[in-house]
Amino acid sequence: MEMNAMEDLLLQELSELYGAEQQIIKALPKMAKAAHDSRLRDAFELHLKQTQNHVERLRKISKMFGRDLESSDCEPVAEIIKQGDQLIATTGA
């Protein structure tokens, strides 16, 4: 595999991670708001801050290659978020 191909593969994988992290960033505030326990709410808020840091690191890495990351939905993360939304709707949170 040529260096360009390896670089393309790396950037593709980073883009997938970037998309998953973007989905999580959108979902966590809703989850934190729905949490009845303050410790759980705090955990969601901490996770949000950590995820925002992950996104920033991914952006920095992509800039090192002189490219922007494309964001697309990650199906496994989308399914987890969907299940969380269903649980929130069921519990009336």
PDB file of N, CA and C in Angstrom:
ATOM      1  N   MET A   1       0.844  -1.175   0.000  1.00  0.00           N
ATOM      2  CA  MET A   1       0.000   0.000   0.000  1.00  0.00           C
ATOM      3  C   MET A   1       0.890   1.238   0.000  1.00  0.00           C
ATOM      4  N   GLU A   2       0.607   2.162  -0.879  1.00  0.00           N
ATOM      5  CA  GLU A   2       1.394   3.376  -0.967  1.00  0.00           C
ATOM      6  C   GLU A   2       1.100   4.306   0.211  1.00  0.00           C
ATOM      7  N   MET A   3       2.032   5.238   0.432  1.00  0.00           N
ATOM      8  CA  MET A   3       1.867   6.187   1.521  1.00  0.00           C
ATOM      9  C   MET A   3       0.573   6.976   1.374  1.00  0.00           C
ATOM     10  N   ASN A   4       0.251   7.417   0.158  1.00  0.00           N
ATOM     11  CA  ASN A   4      -0.981   8.156  -0.066  1.00  0.00           C
ATOM     12  C   ASN A   4      -2.189   7.322   0.329  1.00  0.00           C
ATOM     13  N   ALA A   5      -2.164   6.048  -0.002  1.00  0.00           N
ATOM     14  CA  ALA A   5      -3.273   5.157   0.337  1.00  0.00           C
ATOM     15  C   ALA A   5      -3.392   5.002   1.853  1.00  0.00           C
ATOM     16  N   MET A   6      -2.271   4.912   2.530  1.00  0.00           N
ATOM     17  CA  MET A   6      -2.292   4.799   3.989  1.00  0.00           C
ATOM     18  C   MET A   6      -2.819   6.092   4.614  1.00  0.00           C
ATOM     19  N   GLU A   7      -2.392   7.217   4.059  1.00  0.00           N
ATOM     20  CA  GLU A   7      -2.861   8.516   4.546  1.00  0.00           C
ATOM     21  C   GLU A   7      -4.369   8.649   4.320  1.00  0.00           C
ATOM     22  N   ASP A   8      -4.823   8.231   3.150  1.00  0.00           N
ATOM     23  CA  ASP A   8      -6.253   8.281   2.853  1.00  0.00           C
ATOM     24  C   ASP A   8      -7.045   7.390   3.809  1.00  0.00           C
ATOM     25  N   LEU A   9      -6.522   6.219   4.091  1.00  0.00           N
ATOM     26  CA  LEU A   9      -7.173   5.306   5.028  1.00  0.00           C
ATOM     27  C   LEU A   9      -7.249   5.932   6.418  1.00  0.00           C
ATOM     28  N   LEU A  10      -6.150   6.514   6.871  1.00  0.00           N
ATOM     29  CA  LEU A  10      -6.130   7.172   8.180  1.00  0.00           C
ATOM     30  C   LEU A  10      -7.170   8.283   8.232  1.00  0.00           C
ATOM     31  N   LEU A  11      -7.207   9.114   7.216  1.00  0.00           N
ATOM     32  CA  LEU A  11      -8.156  10.227   7.193  1.00  0.00           C
ATOM     33  C   LEU A  11      -9.599   9.742   7.093  1.00  0.00           C
ATOM     34  N   GLN A  12      -9.814   8.643   6.416  1.00  0.00           N
ATOM     35  CA  GLN A  12     -11.158   8.056   6.358  1.00  0.00           C
ATOM     36  C   GLN A  12     -11.586   7.598   7.756  1.00  0.00           C
ATOM     37  N   GLU A  13     -10.696   6.927   8.449  1.00  0.00           N
ATOM     38  CA  GLU A  13     -11.002   6.466   9.806  1.00  0.00           C
ATOM     39  C   GLU A  13     -11.220   7.645  10.754  1.00  0.00           C
ATOM     40  N   LEU A  14     -10.408   8.678  10.616  1.00  0.00           N
ATOM     41  CA  LEU A  14     -10.579   9.871  11.442  1.00  0.00           C
ATOM     42  C   LEU A  14     -11.923  10.541  11.160  1.00  0.00           C
ATOM     43  N   SER A  15     -12.336  10.559   9.899  1.00  0.00           N
ATOM     44  CA  SER A  15     -13.630  11.125   9.534  1.00  0.00           C
ATOM     45  C   SER A  15     -14.778  10.339  10.169  1.00  0.00           C
ATOM     46  N   GLU A  16     -14.641   9.031  10.217  1.00  0.00           N
ATOM     47  CA  GLU A  16     -15.672   8.211  10.852  1.00  0.00           C
ATOM     48  C   GLU A  16     -15.754   8.519  12.348  1.00  0.00           C
ATOM     49  N   LEU A  17     -14.595   8.635  12.980  1.00  0.00           N
ATOM     50  CA  LEU A  17     -14.571   8.997  14.396  1.00  0.00           C
ATOM     51  C   LEU A  17     -15.171  10.384  14.613  1.00  0.00           C
ATOM     52  N   TYR A  18     -14.826  11.299  13.732  1.00  0.00           N
ATOM     53  CA  TYR A  18     -15.321  12.672  13.813  1.00  0.00           C
ATOM     54  C   TYR A  18     -16.848  12.695  13.727  1.00  0.00           C
ATOM     55  N   GLY A  19     -17.397  11.941  12.809  1.00  0.00           N
ATOM     56  CA  GLY A  19     -18.846  11.862  12.671  1.00  0.00           C
ATOM     57  C   GLY A  19     -19.516  11.298  13.912  1.00  0.00           C
ATOM     58  N   ALA A  20     -18.926  10.241  14.468  1.00  0.00           N
ATOM     59  CA  ALA A  20     -19.488   9.637  15.684  1.00  0.00           C
ATOM     60  C   ALA A  20     -19.445  10.629  16.840  1.00  0.00           C
ATOM     61  N   GLU A  21     -18.332  11.324  16.986  1.00  0.00           N
ATOM     62  CA  GLU A  21     -18.203  12.299  18.072  1.00  0.00           C
ATOM     63  C   GLU A  21     -19.201  13.444  17.895  1.00  0.00           C
ATOM     64  N   GLN A  22     -19.444  13.873  16.661  1.00  0.00           N
ATOM     65  CA  GLN A  22     -20.414  14.930  16.400  1.00  0.00           C
ATOM     66  C   GLN A  22     -21.818  14.492  16.818  1.00  0.00           C
ATOM     67  N   GLN A  23     -22.158  13.254  16.535  1.00  0.00           N
ATOM     68  CA  GLN A  23     -23.463  12.730  16.938  1.00  0.00           C
ATOM     69  C   GLN A  23     -23.598  12.738  18.456  1.00  0.00           C
ATOM     70  N   ILE A  24     -22.541  12.327  19.135  1.00  0.00           N
ATOM     71  CA  ILE A  24     -22.558  12.268  20.596  1.00  0.00           C
ATOM     72  C   ILE A  24     -22.710  13.666  21.180  1.00  0.00           C
ATOM     73  N   ILE A  25     -22.023  14.638  20.597  1.00  0.00           N
ATOM     74  CA  ILE A  25     -22.121  16.020  21.070  1.00  0.00           C
ATOM     75  C   ILE A  25     -23.566  16.522  20.975  1.00  0.00           C
ATOM     76  N   LYS A  26     -24.270  16.126  19.945  1.00  0.00           N
ATOM     77  CA  LYS A  26     -25.663  16.548  19.784  1.00  0.00           C
ATOM     78  C   LYS A  26     -26.584  15.857  20.796  1.00  0.00           C
ATOM     79  N   ALA A  27     -26.277  14.618  21.150  1.00  0.00           N
ATOM     80  CA  ALA A  27     -27.163  13.827  22.012  1.00  0.00           C
ATOM     81  C   ALA A  27     -26.965  14.078  23.502  1.00  0.00           C
ATOM     82  N   LEU A  28     -25.742  14.355  23.922  1.00  0.00           N
ATOM     83  CA  LEU A  28     -25.466  14.443  25.354  1.00  0.00           C
ATOM     84  C   LEU A  28     -26.233  15.540  26.099  1.00  0.00           C
ATOM     85  N   PRO A  29     -26.407  16.733  25.540  1.00  0.00           N
ATOM     86  CA  PRO A  29     -27.184  17.732  26.292  1.00  0.00           C
ATOM     87  C   PRO A  29     -28.612  17.272  26.601  1.00  0.00           C
ATOM     88  N   LYS A  30     -29.238  16.600  25.657  1.00  0.00           N
ATOM     89  CA  LYS A  30     -30.589  16.082  25.876  1.00  0.00           C
ATOM     90  C   LYS A  30     -30.574  15.023  26.984  1.00  0.00           C
ATOM     91  N   MET A  31     -29.559  14.177  26.977  1.00  0.00           N
ATOM     92  CA  MET A  31     -29.449  13.134  27.993  1.00  0.00           C
ATOM     93  C   MET A  31     -29.203  13.747  29.375  1.00  0.00           C
ATOM     94  N   ALA A  32     -28.356  14.764  29.414  1.00  0.00           N
ATOM     95  CA  ALA A  32     -28.079  15.430  30.688  1.00  0.00           C
ATOM     96  C   ALA A  32     -29.345  16.086  31.228  1.00  0.00           C
ATOM     97  N   LYS A  33     -30.082  16.715  30.357  1.00  0.00           N
ATOM     98  CA  LYS A  33     -31.320  17.376  30.777  1.00  0.00           C
ATOM     99  C   LYS A  33     -32.337  16.366  31.314  1.00  0.00           C
ATOM    100  N   ALA A  34     -32.373  15.184  30.733  1.00  0.00           N
ATOM    101  CA  ALA A  34     -33.333  14.154  31.135  1.00  0.00           C
ATOM    102  C   ALA A  34     -32.913  13.415  32.408  1.00  0.00           C
ATOM    103  N   ALA A  35     -31.654  13.530  32.797  1.00  0.00           N
ATOM    104  CA  ALA A  35     -31.160  12.797  33.971  1.00  0.00           C
ATOM    105  C   ALA A  35     -31.767  13.373  35.251  1.00  0.00           C
ATOM    106  N   HIS A  36     -32.321  12.502  36.055  1.00  0.00           N
ATOM    107  CA  HIS A  36     -32.912  12.925  37.321  1.00  0.00           C
ATOM    108  C   HIS A  36     -31.870  12.985  38.436  1.00  0.00           C
ATOM    109  N   ASP A  37     -30.846  12.195  38.304  1.00  0.00           N
ATOM    110  CA  ASP A  37     -29.792  12.137  39.318  1.00  0.00           C
ATOM    111  C   ASP A  37     -28.687  13.132  38.961  1.00  0.00           C
ATOM    112  N   SER A  38     -28.295  13.951  39.926  1.00  0.00           N
ATOM    113  CA  SER A  38     -27.282  14.976  39.647  1.00  0.00           C
ATOM    114  C   SER A  38     -25.931  14.365  39.279  1.00  0.00           C
ATOM    115  N   ARG A  39     -25.613  13.207  39.846  1.00  0.00           N
ATOM    116  CA  ARG A  39     -24.335  12.561  39.499  1.00  0.00           C
ATOM    117  C   ARG A  39     -24.339  12.093  38.045  1.00  0.00           C
ATOM    118  N   LEU A  40     -25.472  11.582  37.605  1.00  0.00           N
ATOM    119  CA  LEU A  40     -25.588  11.152  36.215  1.00  0.00           C
ATOM    120  C   LEU A  40     -25.525  12.365  35.296  1.00  0.00           C
ATOM    121  N   ARG A  41     -26.224  13.433  35.669  1.00  0.00           N
ATOM    122  CA  ARG A  41     -26.193  14.670  34.877  1.00  0.00           C
ATOM    123  C   ARG A  41     -24.762  15.189  34.766  1.00  0.00           C
ATOM    124  N   ASP A  42     -24.054  15.201  35.891  1.00  0.00           N
ATOM    125  CA  ASP A  42     -22.661  15.646  35.894  1.00  0.00           C
ATOM    126  C   ASP A  42     -21.796  14.770  34.994  1.00  0.00           C
ATOM    127  N   ALA A  43     -22.063  13.465  35.007  1.00  0.00           N
ATOM    128  CA  ALA A  43     -21.290  12.538  34.166  1.00  0.00           C
ATOM    129  C   ALA A  43     -21.535  12.825  32.681  1.00  0.00           C
ATOM    130  N   PHE A  44     -22.800  13.076  32.319  1.00  0.00           N
ATOM    131  CA  PHE A  44     -23.104  13.423  30.931  1.00  0.00           C
ATOM    132  C   PHE A  44     -22.411  14.728  30.536  1.00  0.00           C
ATOM    133  N   GLU A  45     -22.434  15.704  31.424  1.00  0.00           N
ATOM    134  CA  GLU A  45     -21.802  16.996  31.121  1.00  0.00           C
ATOM    135  C   GLU A  45     -20.288  16.862  30.998  1.00  0.00           C
ATOM    136  N   LEU A  46     -19.676  16.041  31.846  1.00  0.00           N
ATOM    137  CA  LEU A  46     -18.239  15.781  31.739  1.00  0.00           C
ATOM    138  C   LEU A  46     -17.928  15.069  30.424  1.00  0.00           C
ATOM    139  N   HIS A  47     -18.756  14.097  30.099  1.00  0.00           N
ATOM    140  CA  HIS A  47     -18.559  13.362  28.844  1.00  0.00           C
ATOM    141  C   HIS A  47     -18.665  14.305  27.645  1.00  0.00           C
ATOM    142  N   LEU A  48     -19.571  15.262  27.714  1.00  0.00           N
ATOM    143  CA  LEU A  48     -19.712  16.244  26.638  1.00  0.00           C
ATOM    144  C   LEU A  48     -18.428  17.050  26.480  1.00  0.00           C
ATOM    145  N   LYS A  49     -17.871  17.519  27.577  1.00  0.00           N
ATOM    146  CA  LYS A  49     -16.623  18.289  27.507  1.00  0.00           C
ATOM    147  C   LYS A  49     -15.491  17.442  26.931  1.00  0.00           C
ATOM    148  N   GLN A  50     -15.409  16.196  27.357  1.00  0.00           N
ATOM    149  CA  GLN A  50     -14.371  15.304  26.857  1.00  0.00           C
ATOM    150  C   GLN A  50     -14.546  15.050  25.356  1.00  0.00           C
ATOM    151  N   THR A  51     -15.783  14.875  24.939  1.00  0.00           N
ATOM    152  CA  THR A  51     -16.067  14.625  23.526  1.00  0.00           C
ATOM    153  C   THR A  51     -15.735  15.853  22.684  1.00  0.00           C
ATOM    154  N   GLN A  52     -16.026  17.025  23.207  1.00  0.00           N
ATOM    155  CA  GLN A  52     -15.665  18.256  22.491  1.00  0.00           C
ATOM    156  C   GLN A  52     -14.145  18.344  22.335  1.00  0.00           C
ATOM    157  N   ASN A  53     -13.401  17.920  23.353  1.00  0.00           N
ATOM    158  CA  ASN A  53     -11.933  17.880  23.242  1.00  0.00           C
ATOM    159  C   ASN A  53     -11.493  16.876  22.188  1.00  0.00           C
ATOM    160  N   HIS A  54     -12.168  15.740  22.107  1.00  0.00           N
ATOM    161  CA  HIS A  54     -11.829  14.736  21.089  1.00  0.00           C
ATOM    162  C   HIS A  54     -11.998  15.324  19.693  1.00  0.00           C
ATOM    163  N   VAL A  55     -13.106  16.034  19.491  1.00  0.00           N
ATOM    164  CA  VAL A  55     -13.376  16.644  18.186  1.00  0.00           C
ATOM    165  C   VAL A  55     -12.280  17.642  17.841  1.00  0.00           C
ATOM    166  N   GLU A  56     -11.893  18.438  18.803  1.00  0.00           N
ATOM    167  CA  GLU A  56     -10.841  19.430  18.544  1.00  0.00           C
ATOM    168  C   GLU A  56      -9.522  18.739  18.182  1.00  0.00           C
ATOM    169  N   ARG A  57      -9.198  17.661  18.856  1.00  0.00           N
ATOM    170  CA  ARG A  57      -7.976  16.916  18.527  1.00  0.00           C
ATOM    171  C   ARG A  57      -8.047  16.335  17.117  1.00  0.00           C
ATOM    172  N   LEU A  58      -9.210  15.796  16.755  1.00  0.00           N
ATOM    173  CA  LEU A  58      -9.367  15.248  15.411  1.00  0.00           C
ATOM    174  C   LEU A  58      -9.191  16.338  14.359  1.00  0.00           C
ATOM    175  N   ARG A  59      -9.715  17.522  14.627  1.00  0.00           N
ATOM    176  CA  ARG A  59      -9.542  18.641  13.691  1.00  0.00           C
ATOM    177  C   ARG A  59      -8.067  19.013  13.555  1.00  0.00           C
ATOM    178  N   LYS A  60      -7.357  19.048  14.675  1.00  0.00           N
ATOM    179  CA  LYS A  60      -5.929  19.383  14.637  1.00  0.00           C
ATOM    180  C   LYS A  60      -5.148  18.356  13.823  1.00  0.00           C
ATOM    181  N   ILE A  61      -5.473  17.097  14.018  1.00  0.00           N
ATOM    182  CA  ILE A  61      -4.780  16.040  13.273  1.00  0.00           C
ATOM    183  C   ILE A  61      -5.035  16.200  11.777  1.00  0.00           C
ATOM    184  N   SER A  62      -6.289  16.465  11.417  1.00  0.00           N
ATOM    185  CA  SER A  62      -6.603  16.606   9.990  1.00  0.00           C
ATOM    186  C   SER A  62      -5.883  17.808   9.386  1.00  0.00           C
ATOM    187  N   LYS A  63      -5.728  18.878  10.163  1.00  0.00           N
ATOM    188  CA  LYS A  63      -5.011  20.067   9.679  1.00  0.00           C
ATOM    189  C   LYS A  63      -3.540  19.754   9.437  1.00  0.00           C
ATOM    190  N   MET A  64      -2.994  18.812  10.220  1.00  0.00           N
ATOM    191  CA  MET A  64      -1.602  18.412  10.013  1.00  0.00           C
ATOM    192  C   MET A  64      -1.415  17.810   8.621  1.00  0.00           C
ATOM    193  N   PHE A  65      -2.486  17.229   8.096  1.00  0.00           N
ATOM    194  CA  PHE A  65      -2.453  16.639   6.761  1.00  0.00           C
ATOM    195  C   PHE A  65      -2.963  17.616   5.712  1.00  0.00           C
ATOM    196  N   GLY A  66      -3.362  18.813   6.149  1.00  0.00           N
ATOM    197  CA  GLY A  66      -3.862  19.816   5.229  1.00  0.00           C
ATOM    198  C   GLY A  66      -5.224  19.493   4.645  1.00  0.00           C
ATOM    199  N   ARG A  67      -6.012  18.729   5.391  1.00  0.00           N
ATOM    200  CA  ARG A  67      -7.332  18.337   4.894  1.00  0.00           C
ATOM    201  C   ARG A  67      -8.376  18.554   5.987  1.00  0.00           C
ATOM    202  N   ASP A  68      -9.625  18.709   5.557  1.00  0.00           N
ATOM    203  CA  ASP A  68     -10.740  18.803   6.481  1.00  0.00           C
ATOM    204  C   ASP A  68     -11.410  17.443   6.602  1.00  0.00           C
ATOM    205  N   LEU A  69     -11.970  17.183   7.776  1.00  0.00           N
ATOM    206  CA  LEU A  69     -12.690  15.933   7.978  1.00  0.00           C
ATOM    207  C   LEU A  69     -14.138  16.102   7.553  1.00  0.00           C
ATOM    208  N   GLU A  70     -14.662  15.082   6.928  1.00  0.00           N
ATOM    209  CA  GLU A  70     -16.073  15.069   6.564  1.00  0.00           C
ATOM    210  C   GLU A  70     -16.824  14.310   7.645  1.00  0.00           C
ATOM    211  N   SER A  71     -17.998  14.798   7.969  1.00  0.00           N
ATOM    212  CA  SER A  71     -18.794  14.180   9.017  1.00  0.00           C
ATOM    213  C   SER A  71     -19.960  13.418   8.410  1.00  0.00           C
ATOM    214  N   SER A  72     -20.102  12.170   8.813  1.00  0.00           N
ATOM    215  CA  SER A  72     -21.267  11.386   8.411  1.00  0.00           C
ATOM    216  C   SER A  72     -21.715  10.570   9.620  1.00  0.00           C
ATOM    217  N   ASP A  73     -22.986  10.195   9.616  1.00  0.00           N
ATOM    218  CA  ASP A  73     -23.515   9.457  10.756  1.00  0.00           C
ATOM    219  C   ASP A  73     -22.892   8.078  10.859  1.00  0.00           C
ATOM    220  N   CYS A  74     -22.658   7.692  12.088  1.00  0.00           N
ATOM    221  CA  CYS A  74     -22.153   6.361  12.411  1.00  0.00           C
ATOM    222  C   CYS A  74     -23.365   5.549  12.884  1.00  0.00           C
ATOM    223  N   GLU A  75     -23.700   4.499  12.168  1.00  0.00           N
ATOM    224  CA  GLU A  75     -24.904   3.727  12.476  1.00  0.00           C
ATOM    225  C   GLU A  75     -24.933   3.167  13.901  1.00  0.00           C
ATOM    226  N   PRO A  76     -23.838   2.571  14.405  1.00  0.00           N
ATOM    227  CA  PRO A  76     -23.896   2.066  15.781  1.00  0.00           C
ATOM    228  C   PRO A  76     -24.179   3.171  16.808  1.00  0.00           C
ATOM    229  N   VAL A  77     -23.560   4.329  16.631  1.00  0.00           N
ATOM    230  CA  VAL A  77     -23.804   5.446  17.549  1.00  0.00           C
ATOM    231  C   VAL A  77     -25.234   5.940  17.383  1.00  0.00           C
ATOM    232  N   ALA A  78     -25.711   6.014  16.155  1.00  0.00           N
ATOM    233  CA  ALA A  78     -27.089   6.436  15.904  1.00  0.00           C
ATOM    234  C   ALA A  78     -28.076   5.506  16.605  1.00  0.00           C
ATOM    235  N   GLU A  79     -27.796   4.232  16.603  1.00  0.00           N
ATOM    236  CA  GLU A  79     -28.677   3.257  17.261  1.00  0.00           C
ATOM    237  C   GLU A  79     -28.663   3.443  18.778  1.00  0.00           C
ATOM    238  N   ILE A  80     -27.505   3.680  19.348  1.00  0.00           N
ATOM    239  CA  ILE A  80     -27.416   3.919  20.791  1.00  0.00           C
ATOM    240  C   ILE A  80     -28.197   5.179  21.165  1.00  0.00           C
ATOM    241  N   ILE A  81     -28.050   6.220  20.375  1.00  0.00           N
ATOM    242  CA  ILE A  81     -28.772   7.476  20.626  1.00  0.00           C
ATOM    243  C   ILE A  81     -30.272   7.245  20.498  1.00  0.00           C
ATOM    244  N   LYS A  82     -30.678   6.487  19.502  1.00  0.00           N
ATOM    245  CA  LYS A  82     -32.091   6.170  19.311  1.00  0.00           C
ATOM    246  C   LYS A  82     -32.651   5.447  20.532  1.00  0.00           C
ATOM    247  N   GLN A  83     -31.895   4.488  21.058  1.00  0.00           N
ATOM    248  CA  GLN A  83     -32.340   3.766  22.244  1.00  0.00           C
ATOM    249  C   GLN A  83     -32.444   4.699  23.446  1.00  0.00           C
ATOM    250  N   GLY A  84     -31.493   5.621  23.569  1.00  0.00           N
ATOM    251  CA  GLY A  84     -31.559   6.601  24.647  1.00  0.00           C
ATOM    252  C   GLY A  84     -32.773   7.495  24.517  1.00  0.00           C
ATOM    253  N   ASP A  85     -33.065   7.928  23.288  1.00  0.00           N
ATOM    254  CA  ASP A  85     -34.252   8.758  23.050  1.00  0.00           C
ATOM    255  C   ASP A  85     -35.532   8.010  23.416  1.00  0.00           C
ATOM    256  N   GLN A  86     -35.576   6.727  23.068  1.00  0.00           N
ATOM    257  CA  GLN A  86     -36.748   5.915  23.407  1.00  0.00           C
ATOM    258  C   GLN A  86     -36.905   5.772  24.916  1.00  0.00           C
ATOM    259  N   LEU A  87     -35.799   5.590  25.615  1.00  0.00           N
ATOM    260  CA  LEU A  87     -35.841   5.465  27.072  1.00  0.00           C
ATOM    261  C   LEU A  87     -36.311   6.770  27.694  1.00  0.00           C
ATOM    262  N   ILE A  88     -35.813   7.876  27.200  1.00  0.00           N
ATOM    263  CA  ILE A  88     -36.236   9.192  27.707  1.00  0.00           C
ATOM    264  C   ILE A  88     -37.732   9.375  27.474  1.00  0.00           C
ATOM    265  N   ALA A  89     -38.206   9.009  26.288  1.00  0.00           N
ATOM    266  CA  ALA A  89     -39.635   9.153  25.977  1.00  0.00           C
ATOM    267  C   ALA A  89     -40.490   8.242  26.860  1.00  0.00           C
ATOM    268  N   THR A  90     -39.995   7.052  27.127  1.00  0.00           N
ATOM    269  CA  THR A  90     -40.738   6.088  27.944  1.00  0.00           C
ATOM    270  C   THR A  90     -40.839   6.527  29.395  1.00  0.00           C
ATOM    271  N   THR A  91     -39.762   7.092  29.914  1.00  0.00           N
ATOM    272  CA  THR A  91     -39.737   7.494  31.323  1.00  0.00           C
ATOM    273  C   THR A  91     -40.327   8.876  31.541  1.00  0.00           C
ATOM    274  N   GLY A  92     -40.589   9.579  30.450  1.00  0.00           N
ATOM    275  CA  GLY A  92     -41.169  10.910  30.569  1.00  0.00           C
ATOM    276  C   GLY A  92     -40.197  11.938  31.102  1.00  0.00           C
ATOM    277  N   ALA A  93     -38.911  11.690  30.887  1.00  0.00           N
ATOM    278  CA  ALA A  93     -37.886  12.603  31.405  1.00  0.00           C
ATOM    279  C   ALA A  93     -37.820  13.866  30.593  1.00  0.00           C
TER     280      ALA A  93
END
